[in-house]
């Protein structure tokens, strides 16, 4: 089963290949939990080693050794496993209670802000100890001749700690310790296998397979933010997208000036059009009122004329320039004139 983070043990490789450690898993109070090795808080008989998780799988603990994106590629998650924190001194993350000043009262065994690779509360790498300047997981990893142990060596981070590997059926998996390779008897029995799991030291794994097993990789640091000068820092506009949801959009200063000019011009044109419409409506209203007033005045005049004509005692005077009594023809002359005209 060759793959990322582990390999088959057929022949030794001449080149050194760095690989990161794998974690196992157990149930803590019934909850599936990824752990570096069997812990005291694991429910009895539930620990599964990383090599057994890879060889036989587990529906509830498989996420500890496989890519969490949902594909079948193995992935090391050992760096994400939580460890403890000292409650005194510099209150640093640690896996070793002996590194705390007061081992009995000043150690929090499992702190969710402490992982094997990183102190999440401080966003800095977790620091480990060293034996004669050799970075180690704990004091127990020091050799008999290494008598100079430093509990917190700033040079010792997860990517500097050398570990060994679990080996079974030709499969080699980098792991923390011999204990981490041994699944609970109940788990082994349920898999119906008698396969023997061995543990190779760091040097043996390197000699026989050319694999350089280290504890975990460090998180990639975030790139520093790019700061813009204040005079060129773009403002923020709030626009509506196609779903009518607000989103922020940064625009440049020159673009903002152009948009302002367009907005001002548009507003001026709209104001001019609206002003013309209002003026036209006002003039129409004035015209209608004037027409109605003139109509009322003419009606009053006609009514007065009719009243005057109906008054027998006071006939209207006919202007002499237009009509005179001397111009009136007798009836006989009028008839004769009409007859001559007809002939």
Foldseek 3Di string as FASTA:
>chain_A
DDAAQKHFQDFADPAAAEHAAAWWWAAAVNAIATDQFDDPRGDPQGIDFQVCCLPPNDPRHVVRFADPVPDRGGDHPQQQHFFKWFQDDPGAGANDLVLHPDSPPGMDGGDNCGGLAARNVVGGGHFAKDFVNQGERDPVPHDPVRPDIDGGDVVHGQQRYFFWWKDWPRMTHTGHDQRSNDHGPVVVVVSVDPIDIDIDGQVRCCRSHSYGYTHDDHDDDDDDDDDDPPVFFFDWDWDQDPVRDTDIDTDTPVVVVVVVVVVVVVVVVVVVVVVVVVVVVVVVVVVVVVVVVVVVVVVVVVVVVVVQCVDVVHHDDDDVVVDDPVPDDDPVVVVVVVVVVVD
